[in-house]
């Protein structure tokens, strides 16, 4: 999936991508910290989109992450 197709991403000349690509695999499933509820990422069932400034990336399952808010270790497996 090309994240540059989403509004606000990428170079201004390349923002007019086909919207069908983005809508088909929308990242709508929220992954929240099990202790404090902070949003860790958004998934689409196949990958997880994680954004922590200045880094942004897509990860495959299973995923382990330390919460930037409370420090709890969180694990997400494909459901």
N, C-alpha and C. Protein backbone atom coordinates (compact mmCIF):
# COMPACT_ATOMS: atom_id res chain seq x y z
N UNK A 1 0.83 -1.17 0.00
CA UNK A 1 0.00 0.00 0.00
C UNK A 1 0.88 1.23 0.00
N UNK A 2 0.54 2.19 -0.78
CA UNK A 2 1.30 3.42 -0.89
C UNK A 2 0.68 4.47 0.01
N UNK A 3 1.36 4.84 1.09
CA UNK A 3 0.82 5.83 2.02
C UNK A 3 0.79 7.22 1.41
N UNK A 4 1.52 7.45 0.32
CA UNK A 4 1.51 8.75 -0.33
C UNK A 4 0.18 9.07 -0.98
N UNK A 5 -0.70 8.10 -1.12
CA UNK A 5 -2.01 8.35 -1.71
C UNK A 5 -2.95 9.01 -0.72
N UNK A 6 -2.65 8.96 0.56
CA UNK A 6 -3.53 9.58 1.54
C UNK A 6 -3.30 11.08 1.55
N UNK A 7 -4.35 11.85 1.74
CA UNK A 7 -4.20 13.31 1.80
C UNK A 7 -3.26 13.71 2.93
N UNK A 8 -2.36 14.64 2.63
CA UNK A 8 -1.43 15.11 3.63
C UNK A 8 -0.13 14.34 3.67
N UNK A 9 -0.02 13.25 2.94
CA UNK A 9 1.20 12.48 2.89
C UNK A 9 1.97 12.80 1.61
N UNK A 10 3.27 12.71 1.70
CA UNK A 10 4.11 12.75 0.51
C UNK A 10 4.24 14.11 -0.15
N UNK A 11 4.80 14.08 -1.33
CA UNK A 11 5.08 15.28 -2.12
C UNK A 11 3.78 15.83 -2.70
N UNK A 12 3.60 17.17 -2.71
CA UNK A 12 2.34 17.75 -3.20
C UNK A 12 1.99 17.36 -4.63
N UNK A 13 2.99 17.11 -5.48
CA UNK A 13 2.72 16.72 -6.86
C UNK A 13 2.20 15.30 -6.99
N UNK A 14 2.37 14.49 -5.95
CA UNK A 14 1.99 13.08 -6.02
C UNK A 14 0.79 12.74 -5.15
N UNK A 15 0.03 13.73 -4.72
CA UNK A 15 -1.11 13.49 -3.82
C UNK A 15 -2.39 13.12 -4.55
N UNK A 16 -2.41 13.17 -5.86
CA UNK A 16 -3.65 12.89 -6.59
C UNK A 16 -3.68 11.45 -7.08
N UNK A 17 -3.40 10.49 -6.19
CA UNK A 17 -3.43 9.06 -6.50
C UNK A 17 -4.87 8.57 -6.54
N UNK A 18 -5.05 7.36 -7.03
CA UNK A 18 -6.37 6.74 -7.08
C UNK A 18 -6.86 6.47 -5.65
N UNK A 19 -8.04 6.91 -5.28
CA UNK A 19 -8.58 6.70 -3.94
C UNK A 19 -8.98 5.24 -3.71
N UNK A 20 -9.22 4.48 -4.75
CA UNK A 20 -9.64 3.08 -4.59
C UNK A 20 -8.57 2.27 -3.88
N UNK A 21 -7.28 2.57 -4.11
CA UNK A 21 -6.20 1.85 -3.46
C UNK A 21 -6.26 2.02 -1.95
N UNK A 22 -6.51 3.21 -1.49
CA UNK A 22 -6.51 3.51 -0.07
C UNK A 22 -7.74 2.94 0.61
N UNK A 23 -8.91 3.10 0.01
CA UNK A 23 -10.15 2.64 0.62
C UNK A 23 -10.21 1.13 0.78
N UNK A 24 -9.60 0.38 -0.15
CA UNK A 24 -9.67 -1.08 -0.12
C UNK A 24 -8.97 -1.65 1.11
N UNK A 25 -7.89 -1.01 1.56
CA UNK A 25 -7.14 -1.51 2.70
C UNK A 25 -7.03 -0.45 3.79
N UNK A 26 -8.13 0.17 4.13
CA UNK A 26 -8.13 1.24 5.12
C UNK A 26 -7.68 0.73 6.48
N UNK A 27 -6.84 1.50 7.14
CA UNK A 27 -6.34 1.16 8.46
C UNK A 27 -7.33 1.70 9.50
N UNK A 28 -8.29 0.86 9.90
CA UNK A 28 -9.35 1.31 10.79
C UNK A 28 -9.36 0.60 12.14
N UNK A 29 -8.67 -0.53 12.28
CA UNK A 29 -8.65 -1.26 13.55
C UNK A 29 -7.61 -0.64 14.47
N UNK A 30 -8.04 -0.16 15.63
CA UNK A 30 -7.13 0.51 16.55
C UNK A 30 -6.44 -0.48 17.47
N UNK A 31 -5.14 -0.27 17.69
CA UNK A 31 -4.36 -1.05 18.65
C UNK A 31 -4.02 -0.10 19.79
N UNK A 32 -4.55 -0.36 20.97
CA UNK A 32 -4.35 0.51 22.12
C UNK A 32 -3.59 -0.22 23.23
N UNK A 33 -2.87 0.54 24.03
CA UNK A 33 -2.12 -0.01 25.15
C UNK A 33 -3.08 -0.70 26.11
N UNK A 34 -2.69 -1.88 26.56
CA UNK A 34 -3.53 -2.65 27.47
C UNK A 34 -3.62 -2.01 28.86
N UNK A 35 -2.68 -1.15 29.23
CA UNK A 35 -2.70 -0.52 30.55
C UNK A 35 -3.30 0.88 30.55
N UNK A 36 -2.83 1.76 29.66
CA UNK A 36 -3.27 3.16 29.71
C UNK A 36 -4.21 3.56 28.58
N UNK A 37 -4.36 2.72 27.55
CA UNK A 37 -5.28 3.00 26.46
C UNK A 37 -4.74 3.91 25.37
N UNK A 38 -3.45 4.27 25.41
CA UNK A 38 -2.86 5.11 24.38
C UNK A 38 -2.85 4.38 23.04
N UNK A 39 -3.16 5.10 21.97
CA UNK A 39 -3.17 4.51 20.63
C UNK A 39 -1.75 4.17 20.21
N UNK A 40 -1.51 2.90 19.88
CA UNK A 40 -0.19 2.44 19.45
C UNK A 40 -0.09 2.33 17.94
N UNK A 41 -1.20 2.05 17.28
CA UNK A 41 -1.18 1.90 15.83
C UNK A 41 -2.58 1.60 15.31
N UNK A 42 -2.68 1.57 13.98
CA UNK A 42 -3.94 1.22 13.33
C UNK A 42 -3.66 0.12 12.32
N UNK A 43 -4.55 -0.86 12.31
CA UNK A 43 -4.35 -2.01 11.44
C UNK A 43 -5.47 -2.18 10.44
N UNK A 44 -5.19 -3.03 9.44
CA UNK A 44 -6.19 -3.36 8.43
C UNK A 44 -6.43 -4.86 8.37
N UNK A 45 -5.94 -5.61 9.36
CA UNK A 45 -6.10 -7.05 9.38
C UNK A 45 -4.91 -7.79 8.81
N UNK A 46 -4.07 -7.09 8.05
CA UNK A 46 -2.89 -7.69 7.43
C UNK A 46 -1.60 -7.04 7.93
N UNK A 47 -1.66 -5.74 8.17
CA UNK A 47 -0.50 -4.97 8.61
C UNK A 47 -0.93 -3.95 9.64
N UNK A 48 0.04 -3.44 10.38
CA UNK A 48 -0.21 -2.40 11.37
C UNK A 48 0.57 -1.15 10.96
N UNK A 49 -0.13 -0.01 10.92
CA UNK A 49 0.50 1.27 10.62
C UNK A 49 0.83 1.94 11.95
N UNK A 50 2.13 2.17 12.18
CA UNK A 50 2.59 2.74 13.43
C UNK A 50 3.29 4.06 13.13
N UNK A 51 2.89 5.10 13.85
CA UNK A 51 3.47 6.43 13.64
C UNK A 51 3.93 6.99 14.97
N UNK A 52 5.22 7.14 15.12
CA UNK A 52 5.84 7.78 16.28
C UNK A 52 6.87 8.75 15.73
N UNK A 53 6.60 10.03 15.87
CA UNK A 53 7.49 11.03 15.27
C UNK A 53 8.90 10.84 15.76
N UNK A 54 9.90 10.85 14.90
CA UNK A 54 9.86 11.10 13.47
C UNK A 54 9.68 9.83 12.63
N UNK A 55 9.46 8.67 13.24
CA UNK A 55 9.35 7.42 12.49
C UNK A 55 7.91 7.09 12.14
N UNK A 56 7.75 6.43 11.00
CA UNK A 56 6.44 5.94 10.56
C UNK A 56 6.70 4.69 9.72
N UNK A 57 5.98 3.61 10.03
CA UNK A 57 6.23 2.38 9.29
C UNK A 57 5.05 1.44 9.34
N UNK A 58 5.10 0.40 8.50
CA UNK A 58 4.12 -0.68 8.48
C UNK A 58 4.80 -1.92 9.04
N UNK A 59 4.09 -2.66 9.88
CA UNK A 59 4.65 -3.86 10.49
C UNK A 59 3.71 -5.04 10.26
N UNK A 60 4.31 -6.22 10.16
CA UNK A 60 3.54 -7.45 10.02
C UNK A 60 3.34 -8.07 11.40
N UNK A 61 2.37 -8.96 11.50
CA UNK A 61 2.06 -9.61 12.78
C UNK A 61 2.97 -10.80 13.00
N UNK A 62 3.24 -11.19 14.23
CA UNK A 62 2.90 -10.55 15.50
C UNK A 62 3.79 -9.34 15.75
N UNK A 63 3.28 -8.38 16.53
CA UNK A 63 4.00 -7.14 16.82
C UNK A 63 4.11 -6.99 18.33
N UNK A 64 5.28 -6.58 18.79
CA UNK A 64 5.51 -6.26 20.20
C UNK A 64 5.98 -4.83 20.27
N UNK A 65 5.38 -4.02 21.14
CA UNK A 65 5.77 -2.62 21.27
C UNK A 65 5.66 -2.17 22.71
N UNK A 66 6.59 -1.29 23.08
CA UNK A 66 6.55 -0.66 24.40
C UNK A 66 5.74 0.62 24.26
N UNK A 67 4.78 0.81 25.14
CA UNK A 67 3.93 2.00 25.10
C UNK A 67 4.77 3.23 25.40
N UNK A 68 4.68 4.26 24.55
CA UNK A 68 5.43 5.48 24.82
C UNK A 68 4.86 6.29 25.98
N UNK A 69 3.64 5.97 26.39
CA UNK A 69 3.01 6.69 27.50
C UNK A 69 3.36 6.13 28.86
N UNK A 70 3.11 4.83 29.06
CA UNK A 70 3.29 4.23 30.38
C UNK A 70 4.42 3.21 30.46
N UNK A 71 4.96 2.80 29.31
CA UNK A 71 6.08 1.86 29.30
C UNK A 71 5.66 0.40 29.32
N UNK A 72 4.37 0.10 29.27
CA UNK A 72 3.90 -1.29 29.29
C UNK A 72 4.25 -1.99 27.97
N UNK A 73 4.57 -3.27 28.06
CA UNK A 73 4.87 -4.06 26.88
C UNK A 73 3.55 -4.61 26.33
N UNK A 74 3.30 -4.36 25.04
CA UNK A 74 2.06 -4.78 24.39
C UNK A 74 2.37 -5.72 23.24
N UNK A 75 1.54 -6.72 23.06
CA UNK A 75 1.70 -7.68 21.97
C UNK A 75 0.40 -7.73 21.17
N UNK A 76 0.52 -7.68 19.85
CA UNK A 76 -0.64 -7.79 18.98
C UNK A 76 -0.37 -8.90 17.98
N UNK A 77 -1.30 -9.86 17.94
CA UNK A 77 -1.22 -10.95 16.98
C UNK A 77 -2.42 -10.82 16.04
N UNK A 78 -2.27 -11.33 14.85
CA UNK A 78 -3.37 -11.28 13.88
C UNK A 78 -4.54 -12.07 14.44
N UNK A 79 -5.71 -11.46 14.48
CA UNK A 79 -6.91 -12.13 15.03
C UNK A 79 -7.71 -12.78 13.96
